[in-house]
Protein backbone atom coordinates (compact mmCIF):
# COMPACT_ATOMS: atom_id res chain seq x y z
CA MET A 1 41.41 -117.26 110.38
CA ASN A 2 40.90 -120.03 107.82
CA ALA A 3 39.63 -118.96 104.18
CA GLU A 4 37.83 -121.10 101.60
CA ILE A 5 37.64 -120.38 97.96
CA ILE A 6 34.72 -121.58 95.67
CA THR A 7 34.78 -121.24 92.01
CA VAL A 8 31.49 -121.65 90.03
CA GLY A 9 31.16 -122.50 86.48
CA THR A 10 30.63 -125.67 84.50
CA GLU A 11 33.25 -124.21 81.90
CA LEU A 12 35.82 -124.78 84.56
CA LEU A 13 35.07 -128.38 84.98
CA LEU A 14 35.08 -128.97 81.21
CA GLY A 15 38.56 -127.56 80.99
CA GLN A 16 37.41 -124.57 78.61
CA ILE A 17 38.98 -121.87 80.75
CA VAL A 18 41.57 -121.61 83.22
CA ASP A 19 40.63 -120.74 86.55
CA THR A 20 42.97 -117.63 87.16
CA ASN A 21 40.44 -116.26 89.84
CA PHE A 22 41.70 -118.82 92.38
CA ALA A 23 45.38 -117.97 91.96
CA TYR A 24 44.86 -114.37 92.24
CA ILE A 25 42.42 -114.75 95.37
CA ALA A 26 45.00 -116.97 97.11
CA LYS A 27 47.89 -114.76 96.57
CA ARG A 28 45.96 -111.74 98.14
CA LEU A 29 44.87 -114.10 100.98
CA ALA A 30 48.50 -115.30 101.63
CA GLU A 31 49.66 -111.45 101.53
CA ALA A 32 47.15 -110.59 104.15
CA GLY A 33 48.35 -113.63 106.42
CA ILE A 34 45.24 -115.41 106.00
CA ASN A 35 45.31 -119.11 105.84
CA LEU A 36 43.70 -120.98 102.98
CA TYR A 37 43.16 -124.45 103.35
CA PHE A 38 40.59 -125.55 100.86
CA LYS A 39 39.50 -124.89 97.31
CA THR A 40 36.71 -126.26 95.22
CA SER A 41 35.35 -125.76 91.82
CA VAL A 42 31.56 -126.65 91.21
CA GLY A 43 29.27 -126.52 88.00
CA ASP A 44 26.48 -124.45 87.35
CA ASN A 45 24.20 -126.68 89.51
CA GLU A 46 21.89 -125.28 92.45
CA LYS A 47 21.98 -128.65 94.36
CA ARG A 48 25.80 -129.36 94.18
CA MET A 49 26.61 -125.41 95.18
CA SER A 50 24.50 -125.72 98.18
CA GLU A 51 26.14 -128.98 99.18
CA ILE A 52 29.75 -127.49 98.44
CA LEU A 53 28.54 -124.22 100.42
CA LYS A 54 27.35 -126.17 103.43
CA LEU A 55 30.85 -127.71 103.60
CA ALA A 56 32.83 -124.91 103.34
CA LEU A 57 30.87 -123.19 106.40
CA SER A 58 31.44 -126.24 108.56
CA ARG A 59 35.24 -125.93 108.35
CA SER A 60 36.01 -122.33 107.40
CA ASP A 61 35.67 -118.71 108.64
CA ALA A 62 35.20 -117.08 105.30
CA VAL A 63 34.17 -118.42 102.36
CA ILE A 64 34.94 -116.56 99.15
CA ILE A 65 32.76 -117.42 96.14
CA THR A 66 33.21 -116.29 92.40
CA GLY A 67 31.04 -116.82 89.51
CA GLY A 68 27.61 -117.46 88.68
CA LEU A 69 25.96 -113.91 89.36
CA GLY A 70 25.03 -113.35 85.90
CA PRO A 71 21.63 -112.68 84.55
CA THR A 72 21.05 -115.97 82.85
CA VAL A 73 19.49 -119.04 83.98
CA ASP A 74 22.68 -120.92 84.54
CA ASP A 75 23.95 -118.39 87.10
CA VAL A 76 22.92 -120.26 90.22
CA THR A 77 25.14 -118.75 93.10
CA ARG A 78 22.56 -116.27 94.35
CA ALA A 79 19.56 -118.93 94.51
CA ALA A 80 21.91 -121.57 96.07
CA LEU A 81 23.06 -118.92 98.74
CA VAL A 82 19.52 -117.85 99.71
CA LYS A 83 18.18 -121.46 100.01
CA THR A 84 21.36 -122.70 102.00
CA LEU A 85 21.16 -119.69 104.56
CA ASN A 86 17.52 -119.26 104.51
CA LEU A 87 17.70 -115.82 103.39
CA LYS A 88 15.60 -113.61 101.08
CA LEU A 89 15.99 -111.68 97.98
CA VAL A 90 15.21 -108.07 98.05
CA LEU A 91 15.33 -105.48 95.24
CA ASN A 92 18.26 -102.85 95.98
CA GLU A 93 17.53 -99.91 94.39
CA HIS A 94 20.71 -98.40 94.27
CA VAL A 95 22.36 -101.40 92.73
CA LEU A 96 19.43 -101.18 90.03
CA LYS A 97 20.25 -97.46 89.34
CA ASN A 98 24.04 -98.44 89.01
CA ILE A 99 23.06 -101.41 86.50
CA GLN A 100 20.96 -99.04 84.62
CA SER A 101 23.62 -96.37 84.42
CA PHE A 102 26.07 -99.08 83.10
CA PHE A 103 23.90 -99.65 80.03
CA ASP A 104 23.26 -96.01 79.64
CA SER A 105 26.57 -94.95 79.65
CA ARG A 106 27.05 -97.50 76.68
CA LYS A 107 24.07 -96.75 74.83
CA ILE A 108 22.74 -100.14 75.37
CA LYS A 109 19.22 -101.03 76.15
CA MET A 110 19.09 -103.07 79.59
CA SER A 111 17.66 -106.46 79.47
CA GLN A 112 14.89 -107.17 81.89
CA ASN A 113 16.95 -110.20 83.02
CA ASN A 114 19.65 -107.92 84.16
CA VAL A 115 17.03 -106.66 87.00
CA SER A 116 17.63 -110.07 88.83
CA GLN A 117 21.24 -108.80 89.30
CA ALA A 118 19.83 -106.09 91.64
CA LEU A 119 18.30 -108.73 94.07
CA VAL A 120 20.35 -108.64 97.29
CA PRO A 121 19.97 -111.11 100.12
CA ASN A 122 18.71 -109.42 103.11
CA GLY A 123 21.46 -108.47 105.68
CA ALA A 124 24.12 -108.48 102.65
CA THR A 125 26.50 -105.58 102.37
CA VAL A 126 26.87 -104.83 98.59
CA ILE A 127 30.33 -104.48 97.12
CA GLU A 128 30.06 -102.03 94.10
CA ASN A 129 31.06 -103.48 90.77
CA LYS A 130 32.86 -100.57 88.70
CA ASN A 131 33.50 -102.72 85.82
CA GLY A 132 30.44 -104.72 85.19
CA THR A 133 26.59 -105.16 86.49
CA ALA A 134 26.94 -107.87 89.28
CA PRO A 135 27.68 -106.43 92.48
CA GLY A 136 29.45 -108.32 95.10
CA LEU A 137 28.18 -109.45 98.32
CA LEU A 138 29.32 -109.59 102.02
CA ILE A 139 26.97 -111.97 104.05
CA PRO A 140 27.23 -112.41 107.60
CA TYR A 141 26.28 -115.92 108.85
CA ASN A 142 26.81 -117.47 112.34
CA GLY A 143 29.81 -115.52 112.91
CA LYS A 144 31.17 -116.15 109.52
CA TYR A 145 31.02 -114.49 106.10
CA VAL A 146 30.10 -115.55 102.77
CA ILE A 147 31.97 -113.37 100.25
CA ILE A 148 30.71 -113.41 96.61
CA MET A 149 32.05 -111.75 93.56
CA PRO A 150 31.55 -111.89 89.94
CA GLY A 151 33.49 -114.49 87.86
CA VAL A 152 34.89 -112.13 85.35
CA PRO A 153 38.61 -111.28 86.47
CA ARG A 154 38.55 -107.56 85.75
CA GLU A 155 35.31 -107.21 87.81
CA MET A 156 36.57 -109.57 90.77
CA LYS A 157 40.19 -108.19 91.16
CA PRO A 158 39.45 -104.63 92.34
CA MET A 159 36.64 -106.15 94.54
CA MET A 160 39.13 -108.37 96.17
CA THR A 161 42.02 -105.83 96.73
CA GLU A 162 39.88 -102.73 97.55
CA THR A 163 37.09 -104.34 99.62
CA VAL A 164 37.35 -107.88 100.51
CA VAL A 165 40.88 -108.01 102.04
CA PRO A 166 40.55 -104.89 104.18
CA PHE A 167 37.21 -106.40 105.42
CA LEU A 168 39.10 -109.63 106.38
CA LYS A 169 41.85 -107.98 108.22
CA ALA A 170 39.52 -105.79 110.24
CA HIS A 171 36.96 -108.48 111.15
CA PHE A 172 39.26 -111.49 111.67
CA LYS A 173 42.42 -111.66 113.64
CA THR A 174 45.05 -112.40 111.32
CA GLU A 175 48.55 -114.24 112.03
CA GLY A 176 51.06 -111.73 110.77
CA ILE A 177 51.54 -111.57 107.00
CA ILE A 178 52.72 -114.12 104.28
CA LYS A 179 55.07 -112.53 101.63
CA SER A 180 56.43 -114.36 98.52
CA ARG A 181 59.12 -113.24 96.15
CA VAL A 182 60.01 -115.17 93.01
CA LEU A 183 63.39 -115.28 91.46
CA LYS A 184 62.92 -116.30 87.69
CA THR A 185 66.02 -118.14 86.01
CA PHE A 186 66.67 -119.31 82.44
CA GLY A 187 69.08 -121.48 81.23
CA LEU A 188 69.17 -124.05 83.91
CA GLY A 189 66.98 -127.00 84.12
CA GLU A 190 65.23 -127.68 87.68
CA SER A 191 67.43 -130.40 88.77
CA ARG A 192 70.47 -128.29 87.88
CA VAL A 193 68.93 -125.26 89.98
CA ASP A 194 68.36 -127.95 92.86
CA GLU A 195 72.10 -129.20 92.70
CA MET A 196 72.96 -125.63 93.15
CA ILE A 197 70.75 -124.32 95.83
CA GLY A 198 69.55 -127.57 97.14
CA ASP A 199 71.29 -127.24 100.74
CA LEU A 200 69.52 -123.99 101.21
CA PHE A 201 66.17 -125.50 99.88
CA ARG A 202 66.39 -128.14 102.83
CA SER A 203 67.68 -126.22 105.81
CA SER A 204 65.59 -123.00 105.37
CA THR A 205 62.20 -123.25 107.01
CA ASN A 206 61.46 -119.46 107.17
CA PRO A 207 61.61 -118.48 104.53
CA THR A 208 60.74 -121.56 102.78
CA ILE A 209 62.07 -122.21 99.05
CA ALA A 210 59.89 -123.94 96.34
CA LEU A 211 61.14 -124.73 92.71
CA LEU A 212 58.28 -123.85 90.03
CA ALA A 213 59.43 -125.45 86.45
CA SER A 214 57.69 -124.22 83.43
CA HIS A 215 58.79 -124.79 79.56
CA SER A 216 60.91 -121.66 79.23
CA GLU A 217 62.15 -121.09 83.21
CA VAL A 218 62.71 -122.13 86.39
CA LYS A 219 61.17 -119.93 89.19
CA VAL A 220 62.60 -120.21 92.80
CA ARG A 221 59.75 -118.77 94.96
CA LEU A 222 60.75 -117.52 98.55
CA THR A 223 57.87 -117.26 101.36
CA ALA A 224 58.38 -115.89 104.47
CA ARG A 225 55.87 -115.65 107.24
CA ALA A 226 56.59 -112.41 109.76
CA LYS A 227 54.47 -109.96 111.76
CA ASP A 228 54.85 -107.40 109.37
CA ASP A 229 56.20 -106.46 105.94
CA ALA A 230 59.53 -105.26 107.01
CA GLU A 231 60.30 -108.36 108.92
CA ALA A 232 59.48 -110.42 105.85
CA GLU A 233 61.51 -108.15 103.51
CA VAL A 234 64.76 -108.93 105.79
CA LEU A 235 64.26 -112.53 106.06
CA ILE A 236 63.73 -112.80 102.16
CA SER A 237 66.58 -110.50 101.45
CA GLU A 238 69.00 -112.53 103.34
CA LEU A 239 68.07 -115.80 101.67
CA GLU A 240 67.86 -113.96 98.12
CA THR A 241 71.37 -112.75 98.62
CA LYS A 242 72.77 -116.29 99.20
CA ILE A 243 70.61 -117.84 96.35
CA ARG A 244 71.96 -114.98 93.82
CA GLU A 245 75.73 -115.65 94.57
CA ARG A 246 74.92 -119.20 93.25
CA LEU A 247 72.50 -118.72 90.28
CA ASP A 248 74.30 -115.47 89.60
CA ASP A 249 73.16 -114.24 85.95
CA ASN A 250 70.96 -116.88 85.25
CA ILE A 251 68.38 -114.91 87.47
CA PHE A 252 66.72 -112.34 84.95
CA GLY A 253 63.78 -111.06 86.82
CA VAL A 254 61.82 -110.98 89.86
CA ASN A 255 58.16 -111.61 90.43
CA ASP A 256 56.34 -110.43 87.08
CA GLU A 257 59.43 -109.06 85.57
CA THR A 258 59.75 -110.65 81.99
CA MET A 259 62.70 -111.29 80.02
CA GLU A 260 61.74 -108.70 77.29
CA LYS A 261 61.13 -105.85 80.23
CA ASN A 262 64.90 -106.98 81.32
CA VAL A 263 66.02 -106.59 77.75
CA GLY A 264 64.23 -103.51 77.51
CA MET A 265 65.65 -101.95 80.47
CA LEU A 266 69.34 -102.77 79.45
CA MET A 267 68.56 -101.26 75.91
CA THR A 268 67.36 -97.93 77.43
CA MET A 269 70.21 -97.91 79.85
CA GLN A 270 73.00 -98.20 77.09
CA ASN A 271 70.99 -96.04 74.51
CA LEU A 272 71.26 -98.64 72.12
CA THR A 273 68.88 -99.75 68.88
CA LEU A 274 67.58 -103.14 67.80
CA ALA A 275 65.95 -104.83 64.84
CA THR A 276 64.92 -108.46 64.54
CA ALA A 277 64.67 -110.81 61.42
CA GLU A 278 62.38 -113.79 62.26
CA SER A 279 61.55 -116.88 60.32
CA CYS A 280 60.47 -119.88 62.53
CA THR A 281 59.25 -117.63 65.12
CA GLY A 282 57.20 -115.64 63.00
CA GLY A 283 56.95 -112.48 64.57
CA LEU A 284 57.17 -113.61 68.50
CA ILE A 285 60.42 -112.11 69.40
CA ALA A 286 59.03 -108.48 68.21
CA ASP A 287 55.79 -108.89 69.57
CA ARG A 288 57.26 -109.86 73.31
CA ILE A 289 59.62 -106.96 72.98
CA THR A 290 56.79 -104.60 71.91
CA ASP A 291 54.89 -105.80 74.86
CA VAL A 292 57.06 -103.28 76.95
CA ALA A 293 55.58 -99.74 77.20
CA GLY A 294 58.32 -97.55 75.74
CA ALA A 295 59.75 -100.08 73.59
CA SER A 296 59.91 -97.43 70.49
CA LYS A 297 62.99 -95.90 72.13
CA TYR A 298 65.07 -99.15 71.24
CA PHE A 299 63.17 -101.31 68.72
CA MET A 300 63.56 -99.84 65.28
CA ARG A 301 62.33 -102.82 63.20
CA GLY A 302 61.00 -106.25 63.06
CA VAL A 303 61.04 -108.27 59.89
CA ILE A 304 59.27 -111.71 59.24
CA SER A 305 61.16 -113.50 56.51
CA TYR A 306 59.43 -116.69 56.25
CA SER A 307 60.45 -117.71 52.42
CA ASN A 308 64.05 -117.87 51.00
CA GLN A 309 62.98 -115.16 48.65
CA SER A 310 61.95 -113.08 51.41
CA LYS A 311 65.37 -113.53 52.92
CA ILE A 312 67.09 -112.47 49.88
CA ASP A 313 64.89 -109.63 49.12
CA THR A 314 64.35 -107.85 52.39
CA LEU A 315 67.58 -108.87 54.42
CA ASP A 316 70.01 -109.36 51.49
CA VAL A 317 70.92 -112.91 52.63
CA LYS A 318 72.96 -114.56 49.66
CA LYS A 319 71.38 -117.05 47.53
CA ILE A 320 74.54 -118.95 47.49
CA THR A 321 74.30 -119.18 51.20
CA LEU A 322 70.97 -120.66 50.94
CA ASP A 323 71.99 -122.81 48.45
CA MET A 324 74.99 -124.22 50.13
CA TYR A 325 73.70 -124.47 53.71
CA GLY A 326 69.87 -124.31 53.72
CA ALA A 327 67.47 -121.73 55.37
CA VAL A 328 68.01 -123.57 58.74
CA SER A 329 71.53 -122.94 59.31
CA LYS A 330 74.14 -120.81 61.12
CA GLN A 331 75.21 -119.12 58.19
CA VAL A 332 71.56 -117.91 57.15
CA ALA A 333 70.84 -117.03 60.96
CA GLU A 334 74.10 -114.66 60.72
CA GLU A 335 73.35 -113.31 57.58
CA MET A 336 69.68 -112.35 58.59
CA ALA A 337 70.92 -110.51 61.60
CA GLU A 338 73.41 -108.82 59.78
CA GLY A 339 71.02 -107.78 57.20
CA VAL A 340 68.40 -106.53 59.44
CA ARG A 341 70.82 -104.43 61.31
CA LYS A 342 72.17 -102.90 58.37
CA VAL A 343 68.79 -102.15 56.61
CA ALA A 344 67.12 -100.86 59.71
CA GLY A 345 70.42 -98.94 60.86
CA THR A 346 70.65 -100.28 64.24
CA ASP A 347 73.12 -101.12 67.02
CA ILE A 348 72.01 -104.75 67.16
CA GLY A 349 70.46 -107.25 64.57
CA LEU A 350 68.88 -110.69 65.73
CA GLY A 351 68.22 -113.15 63.31
CA ILE A 352 66.53 -116.47 63.90
CA THR A 353 65.80 -119.53 61.45
CA GLY A 354 64.71 -123.01 62.60
CA ILE A 355 62.10 -125.83 62.15
CA ALA A 356 59.26 -125.63 64.39
CA GLY A 357 57.31 -128.79 63.16
CA PRO A 358 55.76 -130.79 63.28
CA THR A 359 56.78 -131.45 59.52
CA GLY A 360 59.69 -130.32 57.82
CA GLY A 361 62.55 -132.17 59.72
CA THR A 362 65.08 -134.41 58.39
CA GLU A 363 67.69 -136.78 59.98
CA GLN A 364 70.36 -134.03 59.50
CA LYS A 365 68.03 -130.99 60.21
CA PRO A 366 65.42 -132.72 62.90
CA VAL A 367 62.39 -130.59 64.24
CA GLY A 368 63.45 -128.31 66.94
CA LEU A 369 66.55 -127.14 65.44
CA VAL A 370 66.91 -123.49 65.67
CA TYR A 371 69.85 -121.14 64.90
CA ILE A 372 69.95 -117.80 66.48
CA ALA A 373 72.59 -114.89 65.63
CA LEU A 374 73.39 -111.66 66.91
CA SER A 375 75.00 -108.80 64.74
CA THR A 376 76.90 -105.79 65.84
CA ASP A 377 79.27 -103.63 63.62
CA LYS A 378 82.09 -105.41 65.68
CA GLU A 379 80.90 -108.95 65.54
CA THR A 380 78.24 -111.59 64.52
CA ILE A 381 77.85 -114.56 66.90
CA SER A 382 75.53 -117.56 66.60
CA ARG A 383 74.46 -120.33 68.46
CA GLU A 384 72.64 -123.65 67.72
CA CYS A 385 69.68 -124.89 69.94
CA ARG A 386 67.64 -128.28 69.75
CA PHE A 387 64.39 -127.81 71.28
CA SER A 388 61.53 -130.36 71.87
CA GLY A 389 57.97 -130.33 72.28
CA GLU A 390 54.92 -129.31 70.17
CA ARG A 391 55.28 -126.27 67.69
CA VAL A 392 53.82 -123.71 69.51
CA LEU A 393 56.34 -124.61 72.58
CA ILE A 394 59.34 -124.97 70.05
CA LYS A 395 58.59 -121.35 69.11
CA GLU A 396 58.46 -120.01 72.79
CA ARG A 397 61.61 -121.61 73.67
CA ALA A 398 63.26 -120.14 70.76
CA ALA A 399 62.03 -116.62 71.20
CA GLN A 400 62.88 -117.09 74.91
CA THR A 401 66.24 -118.19 74.17
CA ALA A 402 66.78 -115.29 71.57
CA LEU A 403 65.97 -112.72 74.16
CA ASP A 404 68.32 -114.19 76.72
CA MET A 405 70.97 -114.20 74.24
CA LEU A 406 70.49 -110.64 73.66
CA ARG A 407 70.24 -110.03 77.56
CA ARG A 408 73.63 -111.84 77.96
CA HIS A 409 75.13 -109.67 75.34
CA LEU A 410 74.09 -106.50 77.04
CA LEU A 411 75.47 -107.72 80.53
CA LYS A 412 78.58 -108.66 78.73
CA ILE A 413 78.29 -112.19 80.08
């Protein structure tokens, strides 16, 4: 079967928000073995919405629409739908009761505008919204289906996984499944990864291999088409083994695993504790570490020592070191790591200092220069890094590199 996605909202066309709904829906469809050939974003305009819907129905078996179901005048999806398909809106008392209960549970008075969200096209099946007011809709049309869901991701996602995907699989013949696995690497550029696994990339047709580069990692996506999950798992695992033999410890995670989650697992397994001292990253490393549930088992303290005086007062960095080498130096990073480890009484201390820009750089110490140090009771090591890009990007790259330095230390590589 062929599916098509339409995301509705002028804010999408203005670039004010990122269309994450499309990515989520597309991934769920692929996992179910449902082909997706077209995706369109359209503004809050009834005429253009109607035109796109007609086109989609002419070439696809199922049209999935998100957005435009709110109670305000610019929410045009429902109006465009009934006009295009020649349907009528009928007040659904069950939906109205659910909307009223939603507001009552929050002790908020329901607006009369919200009653419009209980108007359901004749012949439609309602998808209950457990997290909001606008229900989803399953609408049959000439042997095809139009499926409408709210644009709010937390409302759309459970509808998609719990109702829409099972419905499509039950009503249309799917061609097996499509399964993907993403191997996340750090420390290698896209071209270097291609050099290392390029022959596999070009020779493997099922699974296929794709490289996805971002500012702090290169992802290797393996995608297999198979009759079932077990067959897909065998296909992917065989190729993954070959790739791991080549990329080795540059792979730090799979699918949604993050660097900080990997580090947290290693810290927990080795029963070690950590403290961080940050200057140029402004607490970003600590923030990422504490994004992992259970981080309190190993993360004891995070210090942001932005000024020279705070480095002296909080971390016992020597004034003579700052005077001789400057705040952005190998020596200061090492004293920061040693200082925070001793103050916090932890097994490991991480220190980082640098110039995130856009100002503050010199010919000797340009914007993007960062020093990262790691201290234990046995040794203190450090490295110099040079990053490019805007301030936020430099901070993100520096934080990722610091976490990777910690990961490699824990793996003894």
